[in-house]
N, C-alpha and C. Protein backbone atom coordinates (compact mmCIF):
# COMPACT_ATOMS: atom_id res chain seq x y z
N MET A 1 58.33 -7.99 16.70
CA MET A 1 59.70 -7.60 16.91
C MET A 1 60.61 -8.35 15.92
N ALA A 2 61.60 -7.66 15.39
CA ALA A 2 62.50 -8.24 14.40
C ALA A 2 63.45 -9.25 15.04
N VAL A 3 63.71 -10.31 14.29
CA VAL A 3 64.61 -11.35 14.77
C VAL A 3 65.80 -11.42 13.82
N PRO A 4 67.02 -11.46 14.34
CA PRO A 4 68.19 -11.55 13.46
C PRO A 4 68.21 -12.86 12.66
N LYS A 5 68.71 -12.78 11.45
CA LYS A 5 68.81 -13.97 10.62
C LYS A 5 70.00 -14.82 11.07
N LYS A 6 69.94 -16.12 10.73
CA LYS A 6 71.05 -17.00 11.06
C LYS A 6 72.24 -16.69 10.17
N LYS A 7 73.42 -16.90 10.71
CA LYS A 7 74.64 -16.66 9.95
C LYS A 7 74.81 -17.74 8.89
N THR A 8 75.23 -17.32 7.68
CA THR A 8 75.48 -18.26 6.60
C THR A 8 76.85 -18.90 6.82
N SER A 9 76.91 -20.21 6.64
CA SER A 9 78.18 -20.91 6.85
C SER A 9 79.18 -20.55 5.74
N LYS A 10 80.46 -20.75 6.04
CA LYS A 10 81.51 -20.47 5.06
C LYS A 10 81.37 -21.37 3.85
N THR A 11 80.92 -22.60 4.07
CA THR A 11 80.76 -23.54 2.97
C THR A 11 79.71 -23.04 1.99
N LYS A 12 78.56 -22.62 2.50
CA LYS A 12 77.50 -22.11 1.63
C LYS A 12 77.96 -20.87 0.88
N ARG A 13 78.65 -19.99 1.58
CA ARG A 13 79.14 -18.76 0.97
C ARG A 13 80.11 -19.08 -0.16
N ASP A 14 81.03 -20.01 0.09
CA ASP A 14 82.02 -20.38 -0.92
C ASP A 14 81.38 -21.07 -2.12
N GLN A 15 80.36 -21.90 -1.87
CA GLN A 15 79.66 -22.56 -2.96
C GLN A 15 78.97 -21.54 -3.85
N ARG A 16 78.35 -20.55 -3.23
CA ARG A 16 77.65 -19.51 -3.99
C ARG A 16 78.65 -18.71 -4.83
N LYS A 17 79.78 -18.37 -4.25
CA LYS A 17 80.80 -17.61 -4.98
C LYS A 17 81.38 -18.43 -6.13
N ALA A 18 81.62 -19.72 -5.90
CA ALA A 18 82.16 -20.59 -6.95
C ALA A 18 81.18 -20.71 -8.11
N LYS A 19 79.90 -20.83 -7.81
CA LYS A 19 78.88 -20.93 -8.86
C LYS A 19 78.82 -19.65 -9.68
N TRP A 20 78.93 -18.51 -9.02
CA TRP A 20 78.91 -17.23 -9.71
C TRP A 20 80.11 -17.10 -10.64
N LYS A 21 81.29 -17.50 -10.16
CA LYS A 21 82.49 -17.43 -10.99
C LYS A 21 82.40 -18.40 -12.17
N GLN A 22 81.79 -19.56 -11.95
CA GLN A 22 81.62 -20.54 -13.02
C GLN A 22 80.73 -19.98 -14.12
N LYS A 23 79.64 -19.31 -13.73
CA LYS A 23 78.75 -18.70 -14.72
C LYS A 23 79.48 -17.61 -15.50
N ALA A 24 80.28 -16.80 -14.81
CA ALA A 24 81.01 -15.72 -15.47
C ALA A 24 82.01 -16.28 -16.47
N ALA A 25 82.70 -17.35 -16.11
CA ALA A 25 83.68 -17.96 -17.01
C ALA A 25 83.00 -18.53 -18.25
N LEU A 26 81.84 -19.13 -18.07
CA LEU A 26 81.10 -19.69 -19.20
C LEU A 26 80.64 -18.59 -20.15
N GLN A 27 80.14 -17.49 -19.61
CA GLN A 27 79.71 -16.38 -20.46
C GLN A 27 80.89 -15.76 -21.21
N ALA A 28 82.04 -15.66 -20.56
CA ALA A 28 83.23 -15.12 -21.21
C ALA A 28 83.66 -16.03 -22.36
N GLN A 29 83.59 -17.33 -22.15
CA GLN A 29 83.95 -18.29 -23.18
C GLN A 29 83.00 -18.18 -24.38
N LYS A 30 81.71 -18.03 -24.11
CA LYS A 30 80.73 -17.89 -25.19
C LYS A 30 80.97 -16.60 -25.98
N ALA A 31 81.27 -15.51 -25.27
CA ALA A 31 81.50 -14.23 -25.93
C ALA A 31 82.74 -14.30 -26.82
N LEU A 32 83.79 -14.95 -26.34
CA LEU A 32 85.01 -15.08 -27.13
C LEU A 32 84.76 -15.93 -28.36
N SER A 33 84.01 -17.00 -28.20
CA SER A 33 83.69 -17.87 -29.32
C SER A 33 82.88 -17.13 -30.37
N LEU A 34 81.90 -16.35 -29.94
CA LEU A 34 81.07 -15.57 -30.86
C LEU A 34 81.93 -14.54 -31.60
N GLY A 35 82.82 -13.88 -30.87
CA GLY A 35 83.70 -12.90 -31.50
C GLY A 35 84.59 -13.52 -32.57
N LYS A 36 85.13 -14.70 -32.26
CA LYS A 36 85.98 -15.39 -33.23
C LYS A 36 85.19 -15.78 -34.46
N SER A 37 83.96 -16.28 -34.27
CA SER A 37 83.16 -16.70 -35.42
C SER A 37 82.76 -15.51 -36.28
N ILE A 38 82.53 -14.37 -35.67
CA ILE A 38 82.20 -13.17 -36.45
C ILE A 38 83.41 -12.73 -37.28
N LEU A 39 84.59 -12.75 -36.66
CA LEU A 39 85.79 -12.33 -37.38
C LEU A 39 86.13 -13.26 -38.54
N THR A 40 85.85 -14.55 -38.40
CA THR A 40 86.14 -15.50 -39.47
C THR A 40 85.01 -15.57 -40.48
N GLY A 41 83.85 -14.97 -40.18
CA GLY A 41 82.73 -14.98 -41.10
C GLY A 41 81.86 -16.21 -41.01
N ARG A 42 81.99 -16.98 -39.95
CA ARG A 42 81.22 -18.21 -39.81
C ARG A 42 79.98 -18.04 -38.94
N ALA A 43 79.73 -16.85 -38.44
CA ALA A 43 78.59 -16.64 -37.55
C ALA A 43 77.29 -16.79 -38.33
N LYS A 44 76.41 -17.66 -37.86
CA LYS A 44 75.14 -17.88 -38.53
C LYS A 44 73.95 -17.39 -37.70
N GLY A 45 74.07 -17.38 -36.39
CA GLY A 45 72.96 -17.01 -35.54
C GLY A 45 73.06 -15.61 -34.98
N PHE A 46 73.98 -14.81 -35.54
CA PHE A 46 74.19 -13.47 -35.02
C PHE A 46 74.13 -12.49 -36.18
N VAL A 47 73.23 -11.50 -36.11
CA VAL A 47 73.06 -10.54 -37.19
C VAL A 47 73.66 -9.21 -36.76
N TYR A 48 74.49 -8.66 -37.62
CA TYR A 48 75.11 -7.38 -37.33
C TYR A 48 75.31 -6.64 -38.65
N PRO A 49 75.31 -5.31 -38.61
CA PRO A 49 75.50 -4.56 -39.85
C PRO A 49 76.94 -4.64 -40.32
N SER A 50 77.13 -4.82 -41.60
CA SER A 50 78.50 -4.85 -42.15
C SER A 50 78.91 -3.46 -42.58
N ASN A 51 80.18 -3.24 -42.76
CA ASN A 51 80.70 -1.92 -43.15
C ASN A 51 80.24 -1.53 -44.54
N GLU A 52 80.02 -2.49 -45.43
CA GLU A 52 79.60 -2.19 -46.79
C GLU A 52 78.23 -1.51 -46.82
N GLU A 53 77.32 -1.96 -45.99
CA GLU A 53 75.98 -1.36 -45.94
C GLU A 53 76.05 0.07 -45.40
N ASP A 54 76.91 0.32 -44.42
CA ASP A 54 77.04 1.65 -43.86
C ASP A 54 77.57 2.65 -44.90
N GLU A 55 78.52 2.20 -45.74
CA GLU A 55 79.09 3.09 -46.74
C GLU A 55 78.06 3.43 -47.81
N ASP A 56 77.19 2.48 -48.16
CA ASP A 56 76.18 2.74 -49.19
C ASP A 56 75.17 3.78 -48.71
N GLU A 57 74.80 3.74 -47.46
CA GLU A 57 73.82 4.67 -46.93
C GLU A 57 74.36 6.09 -46.86
N GLU A 58 75.64 6.24 -46.58
CA GLU A 58 76.25 7.56 -46.43
C GLU A 58 76.42 8.25 -47.77
N GLY A 59 76.74 7.51 -48.83
CA GLY A 59 77.09 8.09 -50.13
C GLY A 59 75.90 8.36 -50.93
């Protein structure tokens, strides 16, 4: 026979939510930093096609 699970406390719930938001904020910060480095041309660990290569292939 199935037994109901125990209720999660508000503290545990809030801790889990805070951790999730912290991870999301960190990922957003990393994405913004990567975007800025790509725009300034300083990105070294990220490979992406440049517009010059695309124009050569089309013509």
